[in-house]
Amino acid sequence: MKTQVLMPETQWSSAAAAPVWTLARRQARHLGAARQTRWLRVLEGELWLTRTATDAAASEDLWLRAGDRLALAPGAEFVAEGWRDSRFELLLAAPAARPRAAAGLLRRLRAALRPQGLPVGLAG
């Protein structure tokens, strides 16, 4: 007897976190349009993301890796395919950026370069 898989992708959720979707390599999932901006954040693996073409915009392919995030515009539809086994989440609010950490790293780099007399061409 052959077993048919009716829901090949899995979803995990908890009350405190956004749903986490899992796609195996070469598995695809349609991400329908929404009324508000959503954020896709890749937690693990790589995704091949294709924006569905519209009258106003051509289809667009994007490759995202673990740690990447992308704003999905209101009304836009996408197809996500696992380039490798992948996990991602869709958020209604932008994931917290780390500008302070980046600014701190930039300050430390500048401080490290100045005493050595090296040019520091980084603005900020």
PDB file of N, CA and C in Angstrom:
ATOM      1  N   MET A   1       0.833  -1.181   0.000  1.00  0.00           N
ATOM      2  CA  MET A   1       0.000   0.000   0.000  1.00  0.00           C
ATOM      3  C   MET A   1       0.883   1.252   0.000  1.00  0.00           C
ATOM      4  N   LYS A   2       0.598   2.145  -0.890  1.00  0.00           N
ATOM      5  CA  LYS A   2       1.374   3.375  -1.013  1.00  0.00           C
ATOM      6  C   LYS A   2       0.785   4.448  -0.095  1.00  0.00           C
ATOM      7  N   THR A   3       1.670   5.144   0.639  1.00  0.00           N
ATOM      8  CA  THR A   3       1.243   6.214   1.531  1.00  0.00           C
ATOM      9  C   THR A   3       1.354   7.544   0.811  1.00  0.00           C
ATOM     10  N   GLN A   4       0.302   8.331   0.888  1.00  0.00           N
ATOM     11  CA  GLN A   4       0.306   9.651   0.268  1.00  0.00           C
ATOM     12  C   GLN A   4       0.483  10.703   1.350  1.00  0.00           C
ATOM     13  N   VAL A   5       1.420  11.620   1.116  1.00  0.00           N
ATOM     14  CA  VAL A   5       1.645  12.708   2.054  1.00  0.00           C
ATOM     15  C   VAL A   5       0.777  13.883   1.621  1.00  0.00           C
ATOM     16  N   LEU A   6      -0.170  14.257   2.472  1.00  0.00           N
ATOM     17  CA  LEU A   6      -1.094  15.331   2.121  1.00  0.00           C
ATOM     18  C   LEU A   6      -0.559  16.708   2.482  1.00  0.00           C
ATOM     19  N   MET A   7       0.302  16.776   3.470  1.00  0.00           N
ATOM     20  CA  MET A   7       0.885  18.058   3.891  1.00  0.00           C
ATOM     21  C   MET A   7       2.388  17.872   4.005  1.00  0.00           C
ATOM     22  N   PRO A   8       3.140  18.028   2.907  1.00  0.00           N
ATOM     23  CA  PRO A   8       4.569  17.740   2.926  1.00  0.00           C
ATOM     24  C   PRO A   8       5.410  18.713   3.735  1.00  0.00           C
ATOM     25  N   GLU A   9       4.973  19.964   3.873  1.00  0.00           N
ATOM     26  CA  GLU A   9       5.732  20.896   4.687  1.00  0.00           C
ATOM     27  C   GLU A   9       5.180  20.872   6.104  1.00  0.00           C
ATOM     28  N   THR A  10       6.008  21.235   7.046  1.00  0.00           N
ATOM     29  CA  THR A  10       5.567  21.234   8.428  1.00  0.00           C
ATOM     30  C   THR A  10       5.566  22.643   8.972  1.00  0.00           C
ATOM     31  N   GLN A  11       4.767  22.846   9.978  1.00  0.00           N
ATOM     32  CA  GLN A  11       4.683  24.136  10.640  1.00  0.00           C
ATOM     33  C   GLN A  11       4.765  23.898  12.126  1.00  0.00           C
ATOM     34  N   TRP A  12       5.538  24.733  12.804  1.00  0.00           N
ATOM     35  CA  TRP A  12       5.627  24.689  14.257  1.00  0.00           C
ATOM     36  C   TRP A  12       5.251  26.050  14.764  1.00  0.00           C
ATOM     37  N   SER A  13       4.503  26.093  15.819  1.00  0.00           N
ATOM     38  CA  SER A  13       4.176  27.390  16.385  1.00  0.00           C
ATOM     39  C   SER A  13       3.999  27.267  17.888  1.00  0.00           C
ATOM     40  N   SER A  14       4.197  28.377  18.550  1.00  0.00           N
ATOM     41  CA  SER A  14       3.896  28.469  19.971  1.00  0.00           C
ATOM     42  C   SER A  14       3.270  29.827  20.189  1.00  0.00           C
ATOM     43  N   ALA A  15       2.664  30.024  21.330  1.00  0.00           N
ATOM     44  CA  ALA A  15       1.969  31.286  21.591  1.00  0.00           C
ATOM     45  C   ALA A  15       2.928  32.474  21.558  1.00  0.00           C
ATOM     46  N   ALA A  16       4.201  32.247  21.867  1.00  0.00           N
ATOM     47  CA  ALA A  16       5.141  33.356  21.984  1.00  0.00           C
ATOM     48  C   ALA A  16       5.935  33.600  20.708  1.00  0.00           C
ATOM     49  N   ALA A  17       5.803  32.764  19.697  1.00  0.00           N
ATOM     50  CA  ALA A  17       6.647  32.893  18.511  1.00  0.00           C
ATOM     51  C   ALA A  17       5.814  32.824  17.241  1.00  0.00           C
ATOM     52  N   ALA A  18       6.389  33.359  16.163  1.00  0.00           N
ATOM     53  CA  ALA A  18       5.751  33.265  14.854  1.00  0.00           C
ATOM     54  C   ALA A  18       5.852  31.831  14.360  1.00  0.00           C
ATOM     55  N   PRO A  19       4.945  31.416  13.478  1.00  0.00           N
ATOM     56  CA  PRO A  19       5.052  30.062  12.921  1.00  0.00           C
ATOM     57  C   PRO A  19       6.376  29.872  12.185  1.00  0.00           C
ATOM     58  N   VAL A  20       6.957  28.726  12.345  1.00  0.00           N
ATOM     59  CA  VAL A  20       8.188  28.367  11.649  1.00  0.00           C
ATOM     60  C   VAL A  20       7.828  27.296  10.623  1.00  0.00           C
ATOM     61  N   TRP A  21       8.146  27.578   9.370  1.00  0.00           N
ATOM     62  CA  TRP A  21       7.842  26.657   8.278  1.00  0.00           C
ATOM     63  C   TRP A  21       9.106  25.917   7.892  1.00  0.00           C
ATOM     64  N   THR A  22       8.951  24.646   7.556  1.00  0.00           N
ATOM     65  CA  THR A  22      10.070  23.810   7.131  1.00  0.00           C
ATOM     66  C   THR A  22       9.816  23.344   5.711  1.00  0.00           C
ATOM     67  N   LEU A  23      10.819  23.515   4.854  1.00  0.00           N
ATOM     68  CA  LEU A  23      10.748  23.010   3.482  1.00  0.00           C
ATOM     69  C   LEU A  23      11.962  22.117   3.246  1.00  0.00           C
ATOM     70  N   ALA A  24      11.718  20.925   2.771  1.00  0.00           N
ATOM     71  CA  ALA A  24      12.817  20.046   2.396  1.00  0.00           C
ATOM     72  C   ALA A  24      13.393  20.531   1.071  1.00  0.00           C
ATOM     73  N   ARG A  25      14.560  20.040   0.728  1.00  0.00           N
ATOM     74  CA  ARG A  25      15.186  20.379  -0.552  1.00  0.00           C
ATOM     75  C   ARG A  25      14.208  20.087  -1.694  1.00  0.00           C
ATOM     76  N   ARG A  26      14.030  21.068  -2.576  1.00  0.00           N
ATOM     77  CA  ARG A  26      13.182  20.997  -3.767  1.00  0.00           C
ATOM     78  C   ARG A  26      11.689  21.030  -3.453  1.00  0.00           C
ATOM     79  N   GLN A  27      11.329  21.279  -2.226  1.00  0.00           N
ATOM     80  CA  GLN A  27       9.929  21.386  -1.860  1.00  0.00           C
ATOM     81  C   GLN A  27       9.511  22.846  -1.952  1.00  0.00           C
ATOM     82  N   ALA A  28       8.312  23.108  -2.436  1.00  0.00           N
ATOM     83  CA  ALA A  28       7.859  24.486  -2.642  1.00  0.00           C
ATOM     84  C   ALA A  28       6.591  24.759  -1.852  1.00  0.00           C
ATOM     85  N   ARG A  29       6.386  26.037  -1.568  1.00  0.00           N
ATOM     86  CA  ARG A  29       5.185  26.484  -0.846  1.00  0.00           C
ATOM     87  C   ARG A  29       4.771  27.841  -1.390  1.00  0.00           C
ATOM     88  N   HIS A  30       3.493  27.992  -1.661  1.00  0.00           N
ATOM     89  CA  HIS A  30       2.945  29.260  -2.120  1.00  0.00           C
ATOM     90  C   HIS A  30       2.741  30.162  -0.907  1.00  0.00           C
ATOM     91  N   LEU A  31       3.197  31.398  -1.001  1.00  0.00           N
ATOM     92  CA  LEU A  31       2.985  32.404   0.042  1.00  0.00           C
ATOM     93  C   LEU A  31       2.034  33.431  -0.540  1.00  0.00           C
ATOM     94  N   GLY A  32       0.772  33.314  -0.205  1.00  0.00           N
ATOM     95  CA  GLY A  32      -0.257  34.175  -0.762  1.00  0.00           C
ATOM     96  C   GLY A  32      -0.100  35.625  -0.352  1.00  0.00           C
ATOM     97  N   ALA A  33      -0.838  36.478  -1.018  1.00  0.00           N
ATOM     98  CA  ALA A  33      -0.797  37.913  -0.746  1.00  0.00           C
ATOM     99  C   ALA A  33      -1.416  38.206   0.617  1.00  0.00           C
ATOM    100  N   ALA A  34      -0.958  39.274   1.231  1.00  0.00           N
ATOM    101  CA  ALA A  34      -1.508  39.735   2.508  1.00  0.00           C
ATOM    102  C   ALA A  34      -1.779  41.231   2.411  1.00  0.00           C
ATOM    103  N   ARG A  35      -2.590  41.741   3.308  1.00  0.00           N
ATOM    104  CA  ARG A  35      -2.934  43.169   3.295  1.00  0.00           C
ATOM    105  C   ARG A  35      -1.821  44.046   3.850  1.00  0.00           C
ATOM    106  N   GLN A  36      -0.985  43.494   4.698  1.00  0.00           N
ATOM    107  CA  GLN A  36       0.082  44.284   5.320  1.00  0.00           C
ATOM    108  C   GLN A  36       1.446  43.703   4.939  1.00  0.00           C
ATOM    109  N   THR A  37       2.479  44.494   5.172  1.00  0.00           N
ATOM    110  CA  THR A  37       3.836  44.025   4.942  1.00  0.00           C
ATOM    111  C   THR A  37       4.129  42.885   5.908  1.00  0.00           C
ATOM    112  N   ARG A  38       4.729  41.840   5.383  1.00  0.00           N
ATOM    113  CA  ARG A  38       5.205  40.732   6.209  1.00  0.00           C
ATOM    114  C   ARG A  38       6.702  40.624   6.014  1.00  0.00           C
ATOM    115  N   TRP A  39       7.361  40.026   6.974  1.00  0.00           N
ATOM    116  CA  TRP A  39       8.803  39.813   6.900  1.00  0.00           C
ATOM    117  C   TRP A  39       9.078  38.333   6.873  1.00  0.00           C
ATOM    118  N   LEU A  40       9.862  37.910   5.911  1.00  0.00           N
ATOM    119  CA  LEU A  40      10.302  36.528   5.847  1.00  0.00           C
ATOM    120  C   LEU A  40      11.724  36.496   6.395  1.00  0.00           C
ATOM    121  N   ARG A  41      11.970  35.625   7.348  1.00  0.00           N
ATOM    122  CA  ARG A  41      13.313  35.495   7.914  1.00  0.00           C
ATOM    123  C   ARG A  41      13.717  34.019   7.812  1.00  0.00           C
ATOM    124  N   VAL A  42      14.864  33.788   7.165  1.00  0.00           N
ATOM    125  CA  VAL A  42      15.375  32.423   6.996  1.00  0.00           C
ATOM    126  C   VAL A  42      16.156  32.054   8.250  1.00  0.00           C
ATOM    127  N   LEU A  43      15.748  30.981   8.875  1.00  0.00           N
ATOM    128  CA  LEU A  43      16.388  30.532  10.108  1.00  0.00           C
ATOM    129  C   LEU A  43      17.485  29.509   9.836  1.00  0.00           C
ATOM    130  N   GLU A  44      17.293  28.728   8.782  1.00  0.00           N
ATOM    131  CA  GLU A  44      18.241  27.652   8.485  1.00  0.00           C
ATOM    132  C   GLU A  44      18.140  27.283   7.010  1.00  0.00           C
ATOM    133  N   GLY A  45      19.266  26.947   6.388  1.00  0.00           N
ATOM    134  CA  GLY A  45      19.274  26.500   4.997  1.00  0.00           C
ATOM    135  C   GLY A  45      19.258  27.652   4.007  1.00  0.00           C
ATOM    136  N   GLU A  46      18.721  27.381   2.816  1.00  0.00           N
ATOM    137  CA  GLU A  46      18.634  28.374   1.743  1.00  0.00           C
ATOM    138  C   GLU A  46      17.275  28.263   1.067  1.00  0.00           C
ATOM    139  N   LEU A  47      16.706  29.417   0.735  1.00  0.00           N
ATOM    140  CA  LEU A  47      15.426  29.463   0.033  1.00  0.00           C
ATOM    141  C   LEU A  47      15.599  30.133  -1.317  1.00  0.00           C
ATOM    142  N   TRP A  48      14.891  29.607  -2.283  1.00  0.00           N
ATOM    143  CA  TRP A  48      14.760  30.242  -3.589  1.00  0.00           C
ATOM    144  C   TRP A  48      13.365  30.849  -3.571  1.00  0.00           C
ATOM    145  N   LEU A  49      13.282  32.153  -3.608  1.00  0.00           N
ATOM    146  CA  LEU A  49      12.021  32.865  -3.496  1.00  0.00           C
ATOM    147  C   LEU A  49      11.715  33.531  -4.830  1.00  0.00           C
ATOM    148  N   THR A  50      10.527  33.283  -5.356  1.00  0.00           N
ATOM    149  CA  THR A  50      10.114  33.872  -6.628  1.00  0.00           C
ATOM    150  C   THR A  50       8.861  34.694  -6.412  1.00  0.00           C
ATOM    151  N   ARG A  51       8.955  35.976  -6.755  1.00  0.00           N
ATOM    152  CA  ARG A  51       7.782  36.845  -6.686  1.00  0.00           C
ATOM    153  C   ARG A  51       6.943  36.613  -7.926  1.00  0.00           C
ATOM    154  N   THR A  52       5.652  36.437  -7.740  1.00  0.00           N
ATOM    155  CA  THR A  52       4.740  36.211  -8.847  1.00  0.00           C
ATOM    156  C   THR A  52       4.623  37.483  -9.678  1.00  0.00           C
ATOM    157  N   ALA A  53       4.676  37.336 -10.987  1.00  0.00           N
ATOM    158  CA  ALA A  53       4.578  38.489 -11.887  1.00  0.00           C
ATOM    159  C   ALA A  53       3.191  39.113 -11.805  1.00  0.00           C
ATOM    160  N   THR A  54       3.157  40.431 -11.996  1.00  0.00           N
ATOM    161  CA  THR A  54       1.893  41.178 -12.056  1.00  0.00           C
ATOM    162  C   THR A  54       1.930  42.050 -13.302  1.00  0.00           C
ATOM    163  N   ASP A  55       0.854  42.774 -13.541  1.00  0.00           N
ATOM    164  CA  ASP A  55       0.835  43.706 -14.674  1.00  0.00           C
ATOM    165  C   ASP A  55       1.878  44.809 -14.489  1.00  0.00           C
ATOM    166  N   ALA A  56       2.159  45.146 -13.233  1.00  0.00           N
ATOM    167  CA  ALA A  56       3.073  46.249 -12.942  1.00  0.00           C
ATOM    168  C   ALA A  56       4.527  45.813 -12.773  1.00  0.00           C
ATOM    169  N   ALA A  57       4.763  44.542 -12.461  1.00  0.00           N
ATOM    170  CA  ALA A  57       6.133  44.091 -12.173  1.00  0.00           C
ATOM    171  C   ALA A  57       6.367  42.682 -12.698  1.00  0.00           C
ATOM    172  N   ALA A  58       7.563  42.481 -13.207  1.00  0.00           N
ATOM    173  CA  ALA A  58       7.938  41.157 -13.708  1.00  0.00           C
ATOM    174  C   ALA A  58       8.232  40.219 -12.540  1.00  0.00           C
ATOM    175  N   SER A  59       8.260  38.946 -12.846  1.00  0.00           N
ATOM    176  CA  SER A  59       8.636  37.943 -11.855  1.00  0.00           C
ATOM    177  C   SER A  59      10.080  38.188 -11.436  1.00  0.00           C
ATOM    178  N   GLU A  60      10.380  37.896 -10.188  1.00  0.00           N
ATOM    179  CA  GLU A  60      11.719  38.157  -9.669  1.00  0.00           C
ATOM    180  C   GLU A  60      12.165  36.983  -8.812  1.00  0.00           C
ATOM    181  N   ASP A  61      13.393  36.512  -9.032  1.00  0.00           N
ATOM    182  CA  ASP A  61      13.956  35.423  -8.242  1.00  0.00           C
ATOM    183  C   ASP A  61      14.965  35.959  -7.243  1.00  0.00           C
ATOM    184  N   LEU A  62      14.883  35.478  -6.034  1.00  0.00           N
ATOM    185  CA  LEU A  62      15.807  35.870  -4.972  1.00  0.00           C
ATOM    186  C   LEU A  62      16.294  34.610  -4.260  1.00  0.00           C
ATOM    187  N   TRP A  63      17.546  34.634  -3.829  1.00  0.00           N
ATOM    188  CA  TRP A  63      18.078  33.530  -3.049  1.00  0.00           C
ATOM    189  C   TRP A  63      18.406  34.066  -1.669  1.00  0.00           C
ATOM    190  N   LEU A  64      17.870  33.413  -0.660  1.00  0.00           N
ATOM    191  CA  LEU A  64      18.075  33.846   0.714  1.00  0.00           C
ATOM    192  C   LEU A  64      18.735  32.731   1.507  1.00  0.00           C
ATOM    193  N   ARG A  65      19.651  33.125   2.390  1.00  0.00           N
ATOM    194  CA  ARG A  65      20.354  32.159   3.240  1.00  0.00           C
ATOM    195  C   ARG A  65      19.988  32.393   4.696  1.00  0.00           C
ATOM    196  N   ALA A  66      20.388  31.466   5.534  1.00  0.00           N
ATOM    197  CA  ALA A  66      20.142  31.583   6.969  1.00  0.00           C
ATOM    198  C   ALA A  66      20.604  32.950   7.456  1.00  0.00           C
ATOM    199  N   GLY A  67      19.747  33.631   8.195  1.00  0.00           N
ATOM    200  CA  GLY A  67      20.052  34.963   8.701  1.00  0.00           C
ATOM    201  C   GLY A  67      19.498  36.083   7.840  1.00  0.00           C
ATOM    202  N   ASP A  68      19.184  35.797   6.573  1.00  0.00           N
ATOM    203  CA  ASP A  68      18.625  36.823   5.683  1.00  0.00           C
ATOM    204  C   ASP A  68      17.161  37.069   6.031  1.00  0.00           C
ATOM    205  N   ARG A  69      16.724  38.298   5.770  1.00  0.00           N
ATOM    206  CA  ARG A  69      15.325  38.651   5.957  1.00  0.00           C
ATOM    207  C   ARG A  69      14.902  39.527   4.794  1.00  0.00           C
ATOM    208  N   LEU A  70      13.612  39.492   4.495  1.00  0.00           N
ATOM    209  CA  LEU A  70      13.097  40.230   3.348  1.00  0.00           C
ATOM    210  C   LEU A  70      11.687  40.706   3.660  1.00  0.00           C
ATOM    211  N   ALA A  71      11.410  41.968   3.344  1.00  0.00           N
ATOM    212  CA  ALA A  71      10.051  42.501   3.492  1.00  0.00           C
ATOM    213  C   ALA A  71       9.226  42.052   2.295  1.00  0.00           C
ATOM    214  N   LEU A  72       8.079  41.456   2.555  1.00  0.00           N
ATOM    215  CA  LEU A  72       7.150  41.046   1.505  1.00  0.00           C
ATOM    216  C   LEU A  72       6.054  42.107   1.444  1.00  0.00           C
ATOM    217  N   ALA A  73       6.010  42.831   0.346  1.00  0.00           N
ATOM    218  CA  ALA A  73       5.088  43.960   0.193  1.00  0.00           C
ATOM    219  C   ALA A  73       3.633  43.496   0.228  1.00  0.00           C
ATOM    220  N   PRO A  74       2.749  44.366   0.718  1.00  0.00           N
ATOM    221  CA  PRO A  74       1.326  44.037   0.706  1.00  0.00           C
ATOM    222  C   PRO A  74       0.865  43.711  -0.712  1.00  0.00           C
ATOM    223  N   GLY A  75       0.060  42.675  -0.846  1.00  0.00           N
ATOM    224  CA  GLY A  75      -0.475  42.288  -2.146  1.00  0.00           C
ATOM    225  C   GLY A  75       0.439  41.414  -2.983  1.00  0.00           C
ATOM    226  N   ALA A  76       1.696  41.265  -2.584  1.00  0.00           N
ATOM    227  CA  ALA A  76       2.642  40.466  -3.362  1.00  0.00           C
ATOM    228  C   ALA A  76       2.511  38.981  -3.014  1.00  0.00           C
ATOM    229  N   GLU A  77       2.584  38.149  -4.035  1.00  0.00           N
ATOM    230  CA  GLU A  77       2.560  36.698  -3.850  1.00  0.00           C
ATOM    231  C   GLU A  77       3.929  36.140  -4.197  1.00  0.00           C
ATOM    232  N   PHE A  78       4.319  35.094  -3.495  1.00  0.00           N
ATOM    233  CA  PHE A  78       5.624  34.477  -3.691  1.00  0.00           C
ATOM    234  C   PHE A  78       5.489  32.962  -3.684  1.00  0.00           C
ATOM    235  N   VAL A  79       6.494  32.310  -4.256  1.00  0.00           N
ATOM    236  CA  VAL A  79       6.674  30.873  -4.104  1.00  0.00           C
ATOM    237  C   VAL A  79       8.044  30.695  -3.478  1.00  0.00           C
ATOM    238  N   ALA A  80       8.087  29.965  -2.365  1.00  0.00           N
ATOM    239  CA  ALA A  80       9.348  29.675  -1.680  1.00  0.00           C
ATOM    240  C   ALA A  80       9.689  28.215  -1.932  1.00  0.00           C
ATOM    241  N   GLU A  81      10.934  27.962  -2.330  1.00  0.00           N
ATOM    242  CA  GLU A  81      11.395  26.593  -2.545  1.00  0.00           C
ATOM    243  C   GLU A  81      12.649  26.372  -1.723  1.00  0.00           C
ATOM    244  N   GLY A  82      12.703  25.223  -1.075  1.00  0.00           N
ATOM    245  CA  GLY A  82      13.891  24.880  -0.312  1.00  0.00           C
ATOM    246  C   GLY A  82      15.023  24.533  -1.261  1.00  0.00           C
ATOM    247  N   TRP A  83      16.038  25.365  -1.305  1.00  0.00           N
ATOM    248  CA  TRP A  83      17.204  25.076  -2.139  1.00  0.00           C
ATOM    249  C   TRP A  83      18.006  23.969  -1.468  1.00  0.00           C
ATOM    250  N   ARG A  84      17.999  24.017  -0.148  1.00  0.00           N
ATOM    251  CA  ARG A  84      18.437  22.938   0.735  1.00  0.00           C
ATOM    252  C   ARG A  84      17.346  22.820   1.783  1.00  0.00           C
ATOM    253  N   ASP A  85      17.418  21.826   2.653  1.00  0.00           N
ATOM    254  CA  ASP A  85      16.459  21.755   3.745  1.00  0.00           C
ATOM    255  C   ASP A  85      16.496  23.095   4.470  1.00  0.00           C
ATOM    256  N   SER A  86      15.335  23.710   4.651  1.00  0.00           N
ATOM    257  CA  SER A  86      15.290  25.075   5.159  1.00  0.00           C
ATOM    258  C   SER A  86      14.161  25.262   6.157  1.00  0.00           C
ATOM    259  N   ARG A  87      14.372  26.241   7.039  1.00  0.00           N
ATOM    260  CA  ARG A  87      13.333  26.672   7.969  1.00  0.00           C
ATOM    261  C   ARG A  87      13.236  28.187   7.884  1.00  0.00           C
ATOM    262  N   PHE A  88      11.996  28.703   7.861  1.00  0.00           N
ATOM    263  CA  PHE A  88      11.802  30.150   7.799  1.00  0.00           C
ATOM    264  C   PHE A  88      10.553  30.524   8.575  1.00  0.00           C
ATOM    265  N   GLU A  89      10.448  31.809   8.875  1.00  0.00           N
ATOM    266  CA  GLU A  89       9.254  32.295   9.551  1.00  0.00           C
ATOM    267  C   GLU A  89       8.738  33.532   8.836  1.00  0.00           C
ATOM    268  N   LEU A  90       7.431  33.752   8.958  1.00  0.00           N
ATOM    269  CA  LEU A  90       6.785  34.954   8.425  1.00  0.00           C
ATOM    270  C   LEU A  90       6.336  35.784   9.613  1.00  0.00           C
ATOM    271  N   LEU A  91       6.792  37.020   9.663  1.00  0.00           N
ATOM    272  CA  LEU A  91       6.506  37.920  10.780  1.00  0.00           C
ATOM    273  C   LEU A  91       5.664  39.087  10.300  1.00  0.00           C
ATOM    274  N   LEU A  92       4.789  39.583  11.145  1.00  0.00           N
ATOM    275  CA  LEU A  92       3.979  40.751  10.803  1.00  0.00           C
ATOM    276  C   LEU A  92       4.692  42.049  11.143  1.00  0.00           C
ATOM    277  N   ALA A  93       5.693  41.978  11.970  1.00  0.00           N
ATOM    278  CA  ALA A  93       6.503  43.160  12.302  1.00  0.00           C
ATOM    279  C   ALA A  93       7.943  42.872  11.903  1.00  0.00           C
ATOM    280  N   ALA A  94       8.674  43.919  11.572  1.00  0.00           N
ATOM    281  CA  ALA A  94      10.071  43.745  11.168  1.00  0.00           C
ATOM    282  C   ALA A  94      10.855  43.090  12.296  1.00  0.00           C
ATOM    283  N   PRO A  95      11.683  42.095  11.947  1.00  0.00           N
ATOM    284  CA  PRO A  95      12.532  41.503  12.979  1.00  0.00           C
ATOM    285  C   PRO A  95      13.475  42.554  13.526  1.00  0.00           C
ATOM    286  N   ALA A  96      13.765  42.451  14.773  1.00  0.00           N
ATOM    287  CA  ALA A  96      14.641  43.432  15.416  1.00  0.00           C
ATOM    288  C   ALA A  96      15.987  43.453  14.725  1.00  0.00           C
ATOM    289  N   ALA A  97      16.332  44.619  14.215  1.00  0.00           N
ATOM    290  CA  ALA A  97      17.648  44.801  13.609  1.00  0.00           C
ATOM    291  C   ALA A  97      18.649  45.015  14.725  1.00  0.00           C
ATOM    292  N   ARG A  98      19.898  44.946  14.393  1.00  0.00           N
ATOM    293  CA  ARG A  98      20.937  45.128  15.392  1.00  0.00           C
ATOM    294  C   ARG A  98      21.835  46.300  15.036  1.00  0.00           C
ATOM    295  N   PRO A  99      21.249  47.494  14.828  1.00  0.00           N
ATOM    296  CA  PRO A  99      22.093  48.628  14.426  1.00  0.00           C
ATOM    297  C   PRO A  99      23.097  49.006  15.499  1.00  0.00           C
ATOM    298  N   ARG A 100      22.732  48.858  16.765  1.00  0.00           N
ATOM    299  CA  ARG A 100      23.666  49.215  17.830  1.00  0.00           C
ATOM    300  C   ARG A 100      24.885  48.301  17.807  1.00  0.00           C
ATOM    301  N   ALA A 101      24.660  47.018  17.577  1.00  0.00           N
ATOM    302  CA  ALA A 101      25.788  46.090  17.516  1.00  0.00           C
ATOM    303  C   ALA A 101      26.695  46.442  16.342  1.00  0.00           C
ATOM    304  N   ALA A 102      26.097  46.767  15.183  1.00  0.00           N
ATOM    305  CA  ALA A 102      26.895  47.126  14.015  1.00  0.00           C
ATOM    306  C   ALA A 102      27.643  48.428  14.258  1.00  0.00           C
ATOM    307  N   ALA A 103      26.983  49.407  14.888  1.00  0.00           N
ATOM    308  CA  ALA A 103      27.641  50.685  15.171  1.00  0.00           C
ATOM    309  C   ALA A 103      28.793  50.477  16.146  1.00  0.00           C
ATOM    310  N   GLY A 104      28.596  49.622  17.135  1.00  0.00           N
ATOM    311  CA  GLY A 104      29.666  49.331  18.096  1.00  0.00           C
ATOM    312  C   GLY A 104      30.851  48.677  17.430  1.00  0.00           C
ATOM    313  N   LEU A 105      30.593  47.755  16.520  1.00  0.00           N
ATOM    314  CA  LEU A 105      31.672  47.095  15.784  1.00  0.00           C
ATOM    315  C   LEU A 105      32.420  48.113  14.935  1.00  0.00           C
ATOM    316  N   LEU A 106      31.690  49.017  14.285  1.00  0.00           N
ATOM    317  CA  LEU A 106      32.312  50.042  13.461  1.00  0.00           C
ATOM    318  C   LEU A 106      33.216  50.948  14.305  1.00  0.00           C
ATOM    319  N   ARG A 107      32.752  51.339  15.487  1.00  0.00           N
ATOM    320  CA  ARG A 107      33.577  52.165  16.383  1.00  0.00           C
ATOM    321  C   ARG A 107      34.847  51.427  16.792  1.00  0.00           C
ATOM    322  N   ARG A 108      34.730  50.153  17.105  1.00  0.00           N
ATOM    323  CA  ARG A 108      35.917  49.378  17.510  1.00  0.00           C
ATOM    324  C   ARG A 108      36.907  49.233  16.358  1.00  0.00           C
ATOM    325  N   LEU A 109      36.401  49.058  15.148  1.00  0.00           N
ATOM    326  CA  LEU A 109      37.286  48.960  13.980  1.00  0.00           C
ATOM    327  C   LEU A 109      38.022  50.280  13.754  1.00  0.00           C
ATOM    328  N   ARG A 110      37.292  51.394  13.852  1.00  0.00           N
ATOM    329  CA  ARG A 110      37.928  52.701  13.677  1.00  0.00           C
ATOM    330  C   ARG A 110      39.006  52.922  14.732  1.00  0.00           C
ATOM    331  N   ALA A 111      38.679  52.594  15.968  1.00  0.00           N
ATOM    332  CA  ALA A 111      39.639  52.779  17.059  1.00  0.00           C
ATOM    333  C   ALA A 111      40.870  51.915  16.839  1.00  0.00           C
ATOM    334  N   ALA A 112      40.700  50.729  16.329  1.00  0.00           N
ATOM    335  CA  ALA A 112      41.827  49.823  16.092  1.00  0.00           C
ATOM    336  C   ALA A 112      42.706  50.326  14.946  1.00  0.00           C
ATOM    337  N   LEU A 113      42.125  50.972  13.943  1.00  0.00           N
ATOM    338  CA  LEU A 113      42.886  51.428  12.783  1.00  0.00           C
ATOM    339  C   LEU A 113      43.607  52.754  13.022  1.00  0.00           C
ATOM    340  N   ARG A 114      43.029  53.638  13.799  1.00  0.00           N
ATOM    341  CA  ARG A 114      43.612  54.967  14.009  1.00  0.00           C
ATOM    342  C   ARG A 114      45.022  54.931  14.601  1.00  0.00           C
ATOM    343  N   PRO A 115      45.281  54.171  15.657  1.00  0.00           N
ATOM    344  CA  PRO A 115      46.629  54.197  16.233  1.00  0.00           C
ATOM    345  C   PRO A 115      47.699  53.696  15.268  1.00  0.00           C
ATOM    346  N   GLN A 116      47.300  52.909  14.298  1.00  0.00           N
ATOM    347  CA  GLN A 116      48.283  52.377  13.348  1.00  0.00           C
ATOM    348  C   GLN A 116      48.507  53.313  12.185  1.00  0.00           C
ATOM    349  N   GLY A 117      47.836  54.448  12.181  1.00  0.00           N
ATOM    350  CA  GLY A 117      48.010  55.429  11.114  1.00  0.00           C
ATOM    351  C   GLY A 117      47.370  55.032   9.809  1.00  0.00           C
ATOM    352  N   LEU A 118      46.491  54.053   9.851  1.00  0.00           N
ATOM    353  CA  LEU A 118      45.805  53.624   8.627  1.00  0.00           C
ATOM    354  C   LEU A 118      44.646  54.557   8.329  1.00  0.00           C
ATOM    355  N   PRO A 119      44.365  54.817   7.056  1.00  0.00           N
ATOM    356  CA  PRO A 119      43.243  55.691   6.719  1.00  0.00           C
ATOM    357  C   PRO A 119      41.922  55.035   7.127  1.00  0.00           C
ATOM    358  N   VAL A 120      41.031  55.827   7.637  1.00  0.00           N
ATOM    359  CA  VAL A 120      39.704  55.336   8.022  1.00  0.00           C
ATOM    360  C   VAL A 120      38.702  56.059   7.152  1.00  0.00           C
ATOM    361  N   GLY A 121      38.228  55.379   6.115  1.00  0.00           N
ATOM    362  CA  GLY A 121      37.317  56.004   5.172  1.00  0.00           C
ATOM    363  C   GLY A 121      35.868  55.654   5.410  1.00  0.00           C
ATOM    364  N   LEU A 122      35.531  55.240   6.615  1.00  0.00           N
ATOM    365  CA  LEU A 122      34.165  54.866   6.898  1.00  0.00           C
ATOM    366  C   LEU A 122      33.426  56.042   7.488  1.00  0.00           C
ATOM    367  N   ALA A 123      32.311  56.404   6.883  1.00  0.00           N
ATOM    368  CA  ALA A 123      31.524  57.551   7.363  1.00  0.00           C
ATOM    369  C   ALA A 123      30.649  57.126   8.535  1.00  0.00           C
ATOM    370  N   GLY A 124      30.296  58.088   9.344  1.00  0.00           N
ATOM    371  CA  GLY A 124      29.323  57.778  10.389  1.00  0.00           C
ATOM    372  C   GLY A 124      29.589  58.407  11.697  1.00  0.00           C
TER     373      GLY A 124
END
